[in-house]
Structures are given as C-alpha cells and as structure tokens.
C-alpha cells in the first residue's frame, strides 16, 4: 500500500470516528461558560463534537482549520479570546 493511500485511509478513519463520536453523549462541564461558548459557536453549523473524539493536538489543528470555514461561510470568526477559551475547553476534556 502506498504512503499516500495509507494516509488517505487514516484520514477517512479519523473522520468516521469523529462523526460517530459526535455529540451522542452530553458535553463535559455542562452549563459552564466555556461549554456554552463551544456549543454556541461550534454548534451553529453542525452538532458540536464531543471533546473526547480527538486528542489535544488534533483539536488544535481542527480549531485552526475552522477559521477558514467560518470565512467561507461568511460567518464572524471567533475572537482570539473565544478561540482560546474554546481550545482550552476542548483540550482539557480531550481524549488521549
């Protein structure tokens, strides 16, 4: 199997895992300001994914990628403070 094909399969597997983990379970820190911010900002276009679906490093990459998606959708990009709070919430509740 080529390296490119292996990478594509790994990416597809990750996407399936994230989508199936989704938000089937209640989000951690229910009712906290950070949970509500995450649910509101990241749940405006899709169901917010459970933080345990990804590792802290993977959440950093995902949050970075979302800025472009906000711009494409012509939505306001989260402020630096919002972004840091969302990333902090995701990483402290992330999977291992």
N, C-alpha and C. Protein backbone atom coordinates (compact mmCIF):
# COMPACT_ATOMS: atom_id res chain seq x y z
N UNK A 1 0.85 -1.17 0.00
CA UNK A 1 0.00 0.00 0.00
C UNK A 1 0.90 1.24 0.00
N UNK A 2 0.58 2.19 -0.85
CA UNK A 2 1.39 3.41 -0.93
C UNK A 2 1.18 4.26 0.31
N UNK A 3 2.15 5.11 0.57
CA UNK A 3 2.07 6.03 1.71
C UNK A 3 0.88 6.97 1.57
N UNK A 4 0.63 7.43 0.36
CA UNK A 4 -0.50 8.33 0.11
C UNK A 4 -1.83 7.63 0.41
N UNK A 5 -1.95 6.39 -0.04
CA UNK A 5 -3.18 5.62 0.21
C UNK A 5 -3.36 5.34 1.71
N UNK A 6 -2.28 5.02 2.39
CA UNK A 6 -2.35 4.77 3.83
C UNK A 6 -2.77 6.04 4.57
N UNK A 7 -2.23 7.18 4.16
CA UNK A 7 -2.61 8.45 4.79
C UNK A 7 -4.08 8.76 4.54
N UNK A 8 -4.56 8.51 3.32
CA UNK A 8 -5.96 8.75 3.00
C UNK A 8 -6.88 7.85 3.82
N UNK A 9 -6.49 6.59 3.98
CA UNK A 9 -7.29 5.67 4.80
C UNK A 9 -7.30 6.10 6.26
N UNK A 10 -6.17 6.56 6.76
CA UNK A 10 -6.10 7.02 8.14
C UNK A 10 -6.98 8.25 8.34
N UNK A 11 -6.94 9.17 7.39
CA UNK A 11 -7.78 10.37 7.47
C UNK A 11 -9.26 10.01 7.42
N UNK A 12 -9.63 9.09 6.55
CA UNK A 12 -11.02 8.66 6.45
C UNK A 12 -11.46 7.98 7.74
N UNK A 13 -10.60 7.17 8.32
CA UNK A 13 -10.93 6.50 9.58
C UNK A 13 -11.15 7.52 10.69
N UNK A 14 -10.29 8.54 10.74
CA UNK A 14 -10.43 9.59 11.74
C UNK A 14 -11.74 10.33 11.55
N UNK A 15 -12.07 10.67 10.32
CA UNK A 15 -13.32 11.38 10.05
C UNK A 15 -14.52 10.56 10.50
N UNK A 16 -14.51 9.28 10.20
CA UNK A 16 -15.61 8.40 10.62
C UNK A 16 -15.70 8.35 12.14
N UNK A 17 -14.56 8.25 12.80
CA UNK A 17 -14.56 8.19 14.27
C UNK A 17 -15.10 9.48 14.87
N UNK A 18 -14.69 10.62 14.31
CA UNK A 18 -15.17 11.91 14.82
C UNK A 18 -16.66 12.05 14.59
N UNK A 19 -17.13 11.69 13.40
CA UNK A 19 -18.55 11.81 13.11
C UNK A 19 -19.38 10.88 13.97
N UNK A 20 -18.90 9.67 14.20
CA UNK A 20 -19.69 8.73 15.00
C UNK A 20 -19.63 9.09 16.47
N UNK A 21 -18.50 9.69 16.94
CA UNK A 21 -18.43 10.11 18.33
C UNK A 21 -19.34 11.32 18.54
N UNK A 22 -19.30 12.23 17.54
CA UNK A 22 -20.17 13.39 17.52
C UNK A 22 -20.52 13.92 18.88
N UNK A 23 -21.79 14.08 19.11
CA UNK A 23 -22.26 14.60 20.39
C UNK A 23 -23.33 13.67 20.94
N UNK A 24 -23.13 12.38 20.78
CA UNK A 24 -24.10 11.41 21.28
C UNK A 24 -24.17 11.48 22.80
N UNK A 25 -23.06 11.78 23.42
CA UNK A 25 -23.01 11.92 24.87
C UNK A 25 -23.11 13.40 25.23
N UNK A 26 -23.52 13.65 26.45
CA UNK A 26 -23.59 15.03 26.94
C UNK A 26 -22.18 15.62 26.97
N UNK A 27 -22.08 16.87 26.62
CA UNK A 27 -20.79 17.55 26.66
C UNK A 27 -20.32 17.71 28.10
N UNK A 28 -19.01 17.63 28.35
CA UNK A 28 -18.49 17.84 29.70
C UNK A 28 -18.67 19.29 30.14
N UNK A 29 -18.63 19.48 31.45
CA UNK A 29 -18.75 20.82 32.05
C UNK A 29 -20.08 21.47 31.69
N UNK A 30 -21.14 20.68 31.60
CA UNK A 30 -22.46 21.16 31.19
C UNK A 30 -22.85 22.41 31.97
N UNK A 31 -23.24 23.43 31.24
CA UNK A 31 -23.68 24.68 31.84
C UNK A 31 -22.58 25.68 32.15
N UNK A 32 -21.31 25.28 31.97
CA UNK A 32 -20.22 26.22 32.22
C UNK A 32 -20.17 27.23 31.07
N UNK A 33 -19.54 28.36 31.31
CA UNK A 33 -19.44 29.39 30.28
C UNK A 33 -18.67 28.87 29.06
N UNK A 34 -17.63 28.08 29.29
CA UNK A 34 -16.84 27.56 28.17
C UNK A 34 -17.61 26.52 27.37
N UNK A 35 -18.35 25.65 28.04
CA UNK A 35 -19.17 24.66 27.32
C UNK A 35 -20.23 25.35 26.49
N UNK A 36 -20.86 26.37 27.06
CA UNK A 36 -21.90 27.09 26.33
C UNK A 36 -21.33 27.85 25.13
N UNK A 37 -20.14 28.43 25.29
CA UNK A 37 -19.48 29.12 24.17
C UNK A 37 -19.17 28.13 23.06
N UNK A 38 -18.58 26.99 23.43
CA UNK A 38 -18.26 25.96 22.43
C UNK A 38 -19.52 25.49 21.72
N UNK A 39 -20.56 25.18 22.46
CA UNK A 39 -21.81 24.68 21.87
C UNK A 39 -22.43 25.73 20.95
N UNK A 40 -22.38 26.99 21.34
CA UNK A 40 -22.98 28.06 20.52
C UNK A 40 -22.17 28.34 19.26
N UNK A 41 -20.85 28.51 19.42
CA UNK A 41 -20.02 28.88 18.27
C UNK A 41 -19.81 27.70 17.32
N UNK A 42 -19.53 26.54 17.88
CA UNK A 42 -19.21 25.39 17.04
C UNK A 42 -20.45 24.57 16.69
N UNK A 43 -21.53 24.86 17.37
CA UNK A 43 -22.77 24.16 17.07
C UNK A 43 -23.70 24.95 16.18
N UNK A 44 -23.23 26.07 15.67
CA UNK A 44 -24.09 26.89 14.81
C UNK A 44 -24.22 26.31 13.41
N UNK A 45 -23.23 25.52 12.97
CA UNK A 45 -23.27 24.91 11.63
C UNK A 45 -23.38 23.39 11.69
N UNK A 46 -23.00 22.79 12.79
CA UNK A 46 -23.04 21.33 12.95
C UNK A 46 -23.17 21.02 14.42
N UNK A 47 -23.49 19.78 14.74
CA UNK A 47 -23.53 19.38 16.15
C UNK A 47 -22.12 19.48 16.70
N UNK A 48 -21.96 20.06 17.88
CA UNK A 48 -20.61 20.13 18.45
C UNK A 48 -20.12 18.72 18.78
N UNK A 49 -18.91 18.41 18.36
CA UNK A 49 -18.34 17.09 18.61
C UNK A 49 -17.92 16.98 20.07
N UNK A 50 -18.03 15.78 20.61
CA UNK A 50 -17.60 15.56 21.99
C UNK A 50 -16.09 15.76 22.06
N UNK A 51 -15.60 16.50 23.06
CA UNK A 51 -14.15 16.75 23.14
C UNK A 51 -13.29 15.49 23.16
N UNK A 52 -13.81 14.39 23.67
CA UNK A 52 -13.01 13.17 23.74
C UNK A 52 -12.81 12.52 22.37
N UNK A 53 -13.46 13.05 21.34
CA UNK A 53 -13.33 12.49 19.99
C UNK A 53 -11.92 12.68 19.43
N UNK A 54 -11.18 13.69 19.91
CA UNK A 54 -9.85 13.97 19.40
C UNK A 54 -8.88 14.21 20.55
N UNK A 55 -7.59 14.10 20.26
CA UNK A 55 -6.55 14.42 21.24
C UNK A 55 -6.37 15.94 21.29
N UNK A 56 -5.70 16.46 22.32
CA UNK A 56 -5.45 17.91 22.37
C UNK A 56 -4.75 18.44 21.11
N UNK A 57 -3.76 17.72 20.60
CA UNK A 57 -3.05 18.17 19.40
C UNK A 57 -3.98 18.20 18.19
N UNK A 58 -4.85 17.21 18.09
CA UNK A 58 -5.79 17.16 16.97
C UNK A 58 -6.81 18.31 17.07
N UNK A 59 -7.23 18.65 18.28
CA UNK A 59 -8.17 19.77 18.43
C UNK A 59 -7.51 21.08 18.00
N UNK A 60 -6.23 21.24 18.31
CA UNK A 60 -5.52 22.47 17.89
C UNK A 60 -5.58 22.60 16.37
N UNK A 61 -5.29 21.52 15.66
CA UNK A 61 -5.33 21.54 14.20
C UNK A 61 -6.75 21.84 13.72
N UNK A 62 -7.73 21.19 14.32
CA UNK A 62 -9.12 21.37 13.89
C UNK A 62 -9.60 22.80 14.12
N UNK A 63 -9.29 23.36 15.28
CA UNK A 63 -9.71 24.74 15.57
C UNK A 63 -9.04 25.71 14.60
N UNK A 64 -7.77 25.47 14.30
CA UNK A 64 -7.07 26.32 13.32
C UNK A 64 -7.76 26.25 11.96
N UNK A 65 -8.18 25.07 11.55
CA UNK A 65 -8.83 24.89 10.24
C UNK A 65 -10.21 25.55 10.19
N UNK A 66 -10.86 25.69 11.32
CA UNK A 66 -12.23 26.21 11.33
C UNK A 66 -12.28 27.69 10.96
N UNK A 67 -11.22 28.43 11.20
CA UNK A 67 -11.23 29.85 10.83
C UNK A 67 -11.54 30.03 9.35
N UNK A 68 -10.92 29.22 8.50
CA UNK A 68 -11.17 29.30 7.06
C UNK A 68 -12.61 28.94 6.74
N UNK A 69 -13.15 27.96 7.45
CA UNK A 69 -14.53 27.55 7.20
C UNK A 69 -15.52 28.64 7.61
N UNK A 70 -15.22 29.34 8.70
CA UNK A 70 -16.06 30.48 9.10
C UNK A 70 -16.06 31.53 7.99
N UNK A 71 -14.88 31.84 7.49
CA UNK A 71 -14.78 32.86 6.43
C UNK A 71 -15.53 32.43 5.17
N UNK A 72 -15.37 31.18 4.78
CA UNK A 72 -16.07 30.66 3.60
C UNK A 72 -17.57 30.77 3.77
N UNK A 73 -18.05 30.50 4.97
CA UNK A 73 -19.50 30.57 5.25
C UNK A 73 -19.95 32.00 5.53
N UNK A 74 -19.00 32.94 5.47
CA UNK A 74 -19.28 34.35 5.75
C UNK A 74 -19.87 34.57 7.14
N UNK A 75 -19.31 33.84 8.09
CA UNK A 75 -19.68 33.98 9.50
C UNK A 75 -18.54 34.68 10.22
N UNK A 76 -18.86 35.39 11.29
CA UNK A 76 -17.78 36.04 12.04
C UNK A 76 -16.84 35.01 12.67
N UNK A 77 -15.56 35.20 12.43
CA UNK A 77 -14.54 34.32 13.00
C UNK A 77 -14.49 34.58 14.50
N UNK A 78 -14.36 33.53 15.32
CA UNK A 78 -14.26 33.76 16.77
C UNK A 78 -13.10 34.71 17.10
N UNK A 79 -13.33 35.53 18.10
CA UNK A 79 -12.27 36.43 18.56
C UNK A 79 -11.14 35.58 19.15
N UNK A 80 -9.98 36.20 19.35
CA UNK A 80 -8.85 35.48 19.95
C UNK A 80 -9.23 34.91 21.31
N UNK A 81 -9.97 35.69 22.10
CA UNK A 81 -10.39 35.22 23.43
C UNK A 81 -11.33 34.02 23.30
N UNK A 82 -12.32 34.11 22.40
CA UNK A 82 -13.24 32.98 22.20
C UNK A 82 -12.48 31.74 21.73
N UNK A 83 -11.59 31.94 20.79
CA UNK A 83 -10.82 30.83 20.24
C UNK A 83 -10.00 30.15 21.33
N UNK A 84 -9.35 30.93 22.17
CA UNK A 84 -8.54 30.37 23.25
C UNK A 84 -9.41 29.64 24.27
N UNK A 85 -10.57 30.19 24.60
CA UNK A 85 -11.48 29.53 25.54
C UNK A 85 -12.00 28.21 24.96
N UNK A 86 -12.36 28.23 23.68
CA UNK A 86 -12.85 27.00 23.04
C UNK A 86 -11.76 25.95 23.01
N UNK A 87 -10.56 26.34 22.60
CA UNK A 87 -9.45 25.39 22.53
C UNK A 87 -9.09 24.87 23.92
N UNK A 88 -9.12 25.73 24.91
CA UNK A 88 -8.84 25.30 26.28
C UNK A 88 -9.88 24.28 26.75
N UNK A 89 -11.15 24.57 26.48
CA UNK A 89 -12.22 23.65 26.85
C UNK A 89 -12.02 22.30 26.16
N UNK A 90 -11.75 22.32 24.87
CA UNK A 90 -11.58 21.08 24.12
C UNK A 90 -10.37 20.28 24.60
N UNK A 91 -9.25 20.95 24.83
CA UNK A 91 -8.03 20.23 25.20
C UNK A 91 -8.11 19.68 26.64
N UNK A 92 -8.74 20.39 27.54
CA UNK A 92 -8.81 19.85 28.91
C UNK A 92 -9.82 18.71 29.02
N UNK A 93 -10.69 18.56 28.04
CA UNK A 93 -11.67 17.47 28.03
C UNK A 93 -11.41 16.47 26.91
N UNK A 94 -10.27 16.59 26.24
CA UNK A 94 -9.94 15.77 25.08
C UNK A 94 -9.68 14.31 25.44
N UNK A 95 -9.74 13.50 24.41
CA UNK A 95 -9.39 12.09 24.56
C UNK A 95 -7.88 11.92 24.54
N UNK A 96 -7.43 10.77 24.91
CA UNK A 96 -6.00 10.51 24.98
C UNK A 96 -5.55 9.77 23.85
